[in-house]
C-alpha cells in the first residue's frame, strides 16, 4: 500500500516556538532525537509485510542525520556519511517544497528580538502521536 492503514489522526493545534528540547549535542538532546522514531522506523504494511518507512519517520531520521553531521563533521573520506547527509538535505528540501505552507509565523524565543504574538502562528496539524504510537505497537 502507498499509505500505512492507521486510524485518521485528530487535528491538533501547534504553536511554533523555540524549545529547550532536541539540543544538538547534549546527552538529553540526543536521546530526545532518538526517541522521535520508535525502533528504526520500519513498518510492514500489507499482506507481504514488506519493510517500509512512513514519511514522518523518514523525515525525522533525516533531520537527525543532518543534526549529527552538524555536531560531528563528516571526514573527507566518509563517502557513506556524506551521501546520507546530502540525500537527507535533498529529501528535507523536497518535503518543505511539497508542503509549501504560506502561513505567517512568529516564534517565541529567548533570543532578542522576542516575538511573542503566537495568536498569528497557530497551525492545525495531524496528531503525530497516532502514527508514532502505532509504530511502537507494531514491533
Protein backbone atom coordinates (compact mmCIF):
# COMPACT_ATOMS: atom_id res chain seq x y z
CA UNK A 1 0.00 0.00 0.00
CA UNK A 2 1.05 3.56 -0.65
CA UNK A 3 -0.28 4.67 2.72
CA UNK A 4 0.01 2.83 6.00
CA UNK A 5 -3.52 1.89 7.10
CA UNK A 6 -3.85 3.55 10.50
CA UNK A 7 -6.75 5.46 12.03
CA UNK A 8 -7.11 9.05 10.87
CA UNK A 9 -5.34 11.32 13.31
CA UNK A 10 -7.28 14.03 15.09
CA UNK A 11 -6.38 17.59 14.29
CA UNK A 12 -4.37 19.35 16.96
CA UNK A 13 -3.17 22.91 17.31
CA UNK A 14 0.54 23.62 17.35
CA UNK A 15 2.26 26.87 18.18
CA UNK A 16 5.78 27.22 16.76
CA UNK A 17 8.29 28.17 19.40
CA UNK A 18 11.92 27.79 20.23
CA UNK A 19 12.32 24.91 22.64
CA UNK A 20 14.90 23.65 25.05
CA UNK A 21 14.25 20.14 23.76
CA UNK A 22 16.21 18.45 20.96
CA UNK A 23 19.57 20.04 21.72
CA UNK A 24 22.18 19.23 19.10
CA UNK A 25 24.85 17.59 21.22
CA UNK A 26 23.77 17.08 24.82
CA UNK A 27 23.07 13.52 26.00
CA UNK A 28 19.48 14.56 26.75
CA UNK A 29 19.02 16.13 23.31
CA UNK A 30 20.47 13.11 21.51
CA UNK A 31 18.13 10.82 23.48
CA UNK A 32 15.16 13.02 22.52
CA UNK A 33 16.13 12.85 18.83
CA UNK A 34 16.46 9.07 19.02
CA UNK A 35 13.09 8.72 20.77
CA UNK A 36 11.26 10.50 17.94
CA UNK A 37 11.29 7.37 15.77
CA UNK A 38 10.38 4.10 17.53
CA UNK A 39 12.78 1.27 16.79
CA UNK A 40 14.23 2.01 13.37
CA UNK A 41 11.04 3.48 11.91
CA UNK A 42 10.29 0.33 9.92
CA UNK A 43 6.70 -0.79 9.39
CA UNK A 44 5.47 -3.84 7.50
CA UNK A 45 2.14 -2.99 5.87
CA UNK A 46 0.09 -5.19 3.60
CA UNK A 47 -0.12 -8.96 3.15
CA UNK A 48 3.52 -9.27 2.02
CA UNK A 49 4.73 -7.35 5.09
CA UNK A 50 7.48 -5.72 3.06
CA UNK A 51 9.65 -3.47 5.27
CA UNK A 52 8.88 0.18 4.63
CA UNK A 53 9.27 3.52 6.36
CA UNK A 54 6.46 6.05 6.70
CA UNK A 55 7.26 9.58 5.55
CA UNK A 56 7.16 11.06 9.06
CA UNK A 57 9.83 8.59 10.26
CA UNK A 58 12.00 9.19 7.21
CA UNK A 59 11.80 12.95 7.69
CA UNK A 60 12.68 12.75 11.39
CA UNK A 61 15.54 10.35 10.70
CA UNK A 62 16.87 12.74 8.07
CA UNK A 63 16.75 15.66 10.49
CA UNK A 64 18.76 13.54 12.91
CA UNK A 65 21.32 12.71 10.19
CA UNK A 66 21.67 16.45 9.47
CA UNK A 67 21.93 17.20 13.21
CA UNK A 68 24.64 14.59 13.59
CA UNK A 69 26.56 15.98 10.59
CA UNK A 70 26.47 19.43 12.21
CA UNK A 71 27.81 18.10 15.52
CA UNK A 72 30.37 15.65 14.15
CA UNK A 73 31.61 16.94 10.80
CA UNK A 74 31.93 14.23 8.18
CA UNK A 75 35.50 13.38 7.28
CA UNK A 76 36.53 13.79 3.62
CA UNK A 77 36.94 10.03 3.22
CA UNK A 78 33.49 9.15 4.61
CA UNK A 79 31.52 8.80 1.37
CA UNK A 80 28.67 6.94 3.10
CA UNK A 81 28.21 9.70 5.71
CA UNK A 82 28.41 12.41 3.05
CA UNK A 83 25.87 10.58 0.86
CA UNK A 84 23.46 10.14 3.78
CA UNK A 85 23.76 13.83 4.71
CA UNK A 86 23.31 15.01 1.12
CA UNK A 87 20.39 12.63 0.49
CA UNK A 88 18.71 13.86 3.69
CA UNK A 89 19.22 17.54 2.82
CA UNK A 90 17.66 16.85 -0.57
CA UNK A 91 14.77 14.89 0.97
CA UNK A 92 14.11 17.63 3.54
CA UNK A 93 14.15 20.31 0.84
CA UNK A 94 11.63 18.31 -1.22
CA UNK A 95 9.43 17.81 1.84
CA UNK A 96 9.35 21.55 2.58
CA UNK A 97 8.56 22.34 -1.06
CA UNK A 98 5.81 19.67 -1.22
CA UNK A 99 4.05 21.18 1.76
CA UNK A 100 4.70 24.81 0.71
CA UNK A 101 2.81 26.38 3.59
CA UNK A 102 2.30 30.12 3.27
CA UNK A 103 1.34 30.63 6.91
CA UNK A 104 2.82 33.70 8.55
CA UNK A 105 4.78 32.66 11.61
CA UNK A 106 6.14 34.36 14.63
CA UNK A 107 8.18 32.38 17.11
CA UNK A 108 8.53 32.71 20.84
CA UNK A 109 12.22 32.84 21.64
CA UNK A 110 14.66 33.54 24.43
CA UNK A 111 16.82 35.44 21.96
CA UNK A 112 16.11 39.09 21.18
CA UNK A 113 14.08 40.35 19.49
CA UNK A 114 11.44 38.42 21.43
CA UNK A 115 8.35 37.87 19.30
CA UNK A 116 5.52 36.59 21.41
CA UNK A 117 2.34 37.06 19.37
CA UNK A 118 1.55 33.38 18.96
CA UNK A 119 -2.07 34.01 18.01
CA UNK A 120 -0.87 34.63 14.46
CA UNK A 121 1.22 31.46 14.34
CA UNK A 122 -1.13 28.66 15.28
CA UNK A 123 -1.17 25.64 12.97
CA UNK A 124 -3.83 22.96 12.78
CA UNK A 125 -1.95 19.71 12.22
CA UNK A 126 -2.43 15.95 12.26
CA UNK A 127 -1.62 14.49 15.66
CA UNK A 128 1.80 12.87 15.19
CA UNK A 129 1.20 10.64 18.21
CA UNK A 130 -1.14 8.39 16.18
CA UNK A 131 1.49 7.01 13.76
CA UNK A 132 4.17 7.16 16.46
CA UNK A 133 2.12 5.06 18.89
CA UNK A 134 1.14 2.63 16.12
CA UNK A 135 4.82 2.12 15.23
CA UNK A 136 5.60 1.38 18.87
CA UNK A 137 2.86 -1.27 18.99
CA UNK A 138 3.75 -2.86 15.65
CA UNK A 139 7.21 -4.07 16.67
